[in-house]
N, C-alpha and C. Protein backbone atom coordinates (compact mmCIF):
# COMPACT_ATOMS: atom_id res chain seq x y z
N MET A 1 118.85 115.13 124.38
CA MET A 1 118.32 114.36 123.28
C MET A 1 119.24 113.20 122.93
N ASN A 2 119.84 112.61 123.87
CA ASN A 2 120.73 111.48 123.65
C ASN A 2 120.00 110.19 124.04
N ASN A 3 119.13 109.73 123.15
CA ASN A 3 118.31 108.55 123.42
C ASN A 3 118.83 107.37 122.63
N GLN A 4 119.83 106.71 123.13
CA GLN A 4 120.35 105.52 122.46
C GLN A 4 119.82 104.29 123.16
N GLN A 5 119.35 103.34 122.38
CA GLN A 5 118.81 102.12 122.94
C GLN A 5 119.87 101.03 122.86
N THR A 6 119.91 100.23 123.87
CA THR A 6 120.79 99.06 123.84
C THR A 6 119.92 97.83 123.90
N TRP A 7 120.23 96.88 123.05
CA TRP A 7 119.45 95.66 122.97
C TRP A 7 119.98 94.65 123.97
N THR A 8 119.07 94.03 124.65
CA THR A 8 119.47 93.01 125.62
C THR A 8 119.42 91.61 125.01
N GLU A 9 118.55 91.42 124.03
CA GLU A 9 118.42 90.13 123.39
C GLU A 9 118.36 90.31 121.88
N GLU A 10 118.86 89.33 121.18
CA GLU A 10 118.83 89.35 119.72
C GLU A 10 118.34 87.99 119.24
N ILE A 11 117.34 88.02 118.38
CA ILE A 11 116.74 86.78 117.88
C ILE A 11 117.39 86.43 116.55
N LYS A 12 117.95 85.24 116.46
CA LYS A 12 118.58 84.78 115.23
C LYS A 12 118.08 83.38 114.91
N SER A 13 118.09 83.08 113.65
CA SER A 13 117.70 81.76 113.20
C SER A 13 118.87 80.80 113.38
N GLN A 14 118.56 79.57 113.72
CA GLN A 14 119.61 78.58 113.86
C GLN A 14 120.03 78.04 112.50
N ASN A 15 119.17 78.17 111.50
CA ASN A 15 119.45 77.65 110.17
C ASN A 15 119.71 78.80 109.20
N THR A 16 120.42 78.48 108.15
CA THR A 16 120.64 79.49 107.12
C THR A 16 119.45 79.50 106.16
N LEU A 17 119.47 80.42 105.23
CA LEU A 17 118.38 80.56 104.28
C LEU A 17 118.28 79.34 103.36
N PHE A 18 119.40 78.76 103.00
CA PHE A 18 119.42 77.65 102.06
C PHE A 18 119.44 76.30 102.75
N SER A 19 119.23 76.27 104.02
CA SER A 19 119.18 75.02 104.75
C SER A 19 117.77 74.45 104.64
N ILE A 20 117.65 73.37 103.88
CA ILE A 20 116.34 72.76 103.65
C ILE A 20 116.32 71.38 104.28
N ASN A 21 115.34 71.15 105.08
CA ASN A 21 115.17 69.85 105.70
C ASN A 21 114.39 68.98 104.71
N LEU A 22 115.09 68.09 104.00
CA LEU A 22 114.46 67.29 102.97
C LEU A 22 113.46 66.29 103.54
N LYS A 23 113.65 65.91 104.77
CA LYS A 23 112.70 65.00 105.40
C LYS A 23 111.33 65.67 105.54
N GLU A 24 111.31 66.93 105.93
CA GLU A 24 110.05 67.66 106.04
C GLU A 24 109.43 67.91 104.67
N VAL A 25 110.26 68.22 103.68
CA VAL A 25 109.75 68.44 102.33
C VAL A 25 109.10 67.17 101.82
N TRP A 26 109.74 66.02 102.05
CA TRP A 26 109.17 64.75 101.62
C TRP A 26 107.88 64.43 102.38
N HIS A 27 107.86 64.78 103.64
CA HIS A 27 106.67 64.52 104.46
C HIS A 27 105.47 65.33 103.97
N TYR A 28 105.69 66.55 103.54
CA TYR A 28 104.62 67.43 103.08
C TYR A 28 104.59 67.56 101.56
N ARG A 29 105.05 66.54 100.85
CA ARG A 29 105.13 66.60 99.39
C ARG A 29 103.75 66.73 98.76
N ASP A 30 102.73 66.10 99.35
CA ASP A 30 101.38 66.22 98.79
C ASP A 30 100.88 67.66 98.83
N LEU A 31 101.12 68.31 99.94
CA LEU A 31 100.72 69.72 100.08
C LEU A 31 101.49 70.59 99.09
N LEU A 32 102.77 70.36 98.97
CA LEU A 32 103.60 71.14 98.06
C LEU A 32 103.14 70.95 96.61
N LEU A 33 102.90 69.71 96.21
CA LEU A 33 102.44 69.44 94.86
C LEU A 33 101.05 70.04 94.59
N MET A 34 100.19 69.98 95.59
CA MET A 34 98.85 70.54 95.44
C MET A 34 98.93 72.06 95.23
N LEU A 35 99.77 72.74 95.99
CA LEU A 35 99.89 74.19 95.85
C LEU A 35 100.51 74.59 94.52
N VAL A 36 101.53 73.85 94.10
CA VAL A 36 102.16 74.14 92.81
C VAL A 36 101.18 73.89 91.67
N LYS A 37 100.46 72.79 91.74
CA LYS A 37 99.48 72.47 90.70
C LYS A 37 98.38 73.52 90.64
N ARG A 38 97.91 73.96 91.80
CA ARG A 38 96.85 74.97 91.84
C ARG A 38 97.30 76.26 91.18
N ASP A 39 98.51 76.73 91.51
CA ASP A 39 99.01 77.96 90.91
C ASP A 39 99.22 77.81 89.41
N TYR A 40 99.75 76.67 89.00
CA TYR A 40 100.01 76.43 87.58
C TYR A 40 98.71 76.37 86.79
N VAL A 41 97.75 75.64 87.30
CA VAL A 41 96.49 75.47 86.59
C VAL A 41 95.73 76.79 86.51
N THR A 42 95.66 77.52 87.59
CA THR A 42 94.89 78.77 87.55
C THR A 42 95.53 79.79 86.62
N PHE A 43 96.85 79.84 86.58
CA PHE A 43 97.51 80.80 85.69
C PHE A 43 97.28 80.45 84.23
N TYR A 44 97.52 79.20 83.86
CA TYR A 44 97.41 78.82 82.46
C TYR A 44 95.97 78.57 82.03
N LYS A 45 95.10 78.21 82.94
CA LYS A 45 93.70 78.03 82.59
C LYS A 45 93.08 79.37 82.18
N GLN A 46 93.39 80.40 82.92
CA GLN A 46 92.89 81.71 82.58
C GLN A 46 93.44 82.18 81.24
N THR A 47 94.69 81.86 80.97
CA THR A 47 95.31 82.26 79.71
C THR A 47 94.67 81.52 78.55
N ILE A 48 94.46 80.22 78.69
CA ILE A 48 93.88 79.42 77.61
C ILE A 48 92.42 79.81 77.38
N LEU A 49 91.68 80.00 78.43
CA LEU A 49 90.28 80.40 78.27
C LEU A 49 90.16 81.76 77.60
N GLY A 50 91.07 82.66 77.93
CA GLY A 50 91.04 83.97 77.29
C GLY A 50 91.31 83.88 75.80
N THR A 51 92.25 83.03 75.42
CA THR A 51 92.56 82.85 74.01
C THR A 51 91.40 82.19 73.27
N ILE A 52 90.83 81.16 73.87
CA ILE A 52 89.68 80.48 73.25
C ILE A 52 88.50 81.44 73.11
N TRP A 53 88.25 82.24 74.13
CA TRP A 53 87.14 83.19 74.08
C TRP A 53 87.35 84.22 72.98
N PHE A 54 88.58 84.67 72.82
CA PHE A 54 88.88 85.67 71.79
C PHE A 54 88.59 85.11 70.40
N TYR A 55 89.09 83.90 70.12
CA TYR A 55 88.91 83.33 68.78
C TYR A 55 87.49 82.82 68.55
N SER A 56 86.79 82.41 69.59
CA SER A 56 85.42 81.93 69.39
C SER A 56 84.44 83.09 69.27
N SER A 57 84.68 84.20 69.90
CA SER A 57 83.75 85.31 69.83
C SER A 57 84.02 86.22 68.65
N TYR A 58 85.16 86.11 68.02
CA TYR A 58 85.50 86.98 66.90
C TYR A 58 84.54 86.79 65.71
N PRO A 59 84.26 85.53 65.29
CA PRO A 59 83.30 85.37 64.17
C PRO A 59 81.88 85.84 64.53
N ILE A 60 81.52 85.74 65.78
CA ILE A 60 80.17 86.17 66.19
C ILE A 60 80.04 87.69 66.07
N LEU A 61 81.12 88.40 66.36
CA LEU A 61 81.08 89.85 66.31
C LEU A 61 81.08 90.39 64.88
N LEU A 62 81.52 89.59 63.91
CA LEU A 62 81.52 90.05 62.53
C LEU A 62 80.14 89.95 61.99
């Protein structure tokens, strides 16, 4: 029962985690802004609509 595996190849990244290519970020800035805006709007739109619905339906229920 001596089944030890030896690796022949190891895959490593050439860049570190904090290595950001600013040229690529600038090139895809429209996509980045669109995704950030979409997440921001959907999160807060749902929150605002929920608050408005609560206060607008409260007098109707009384």
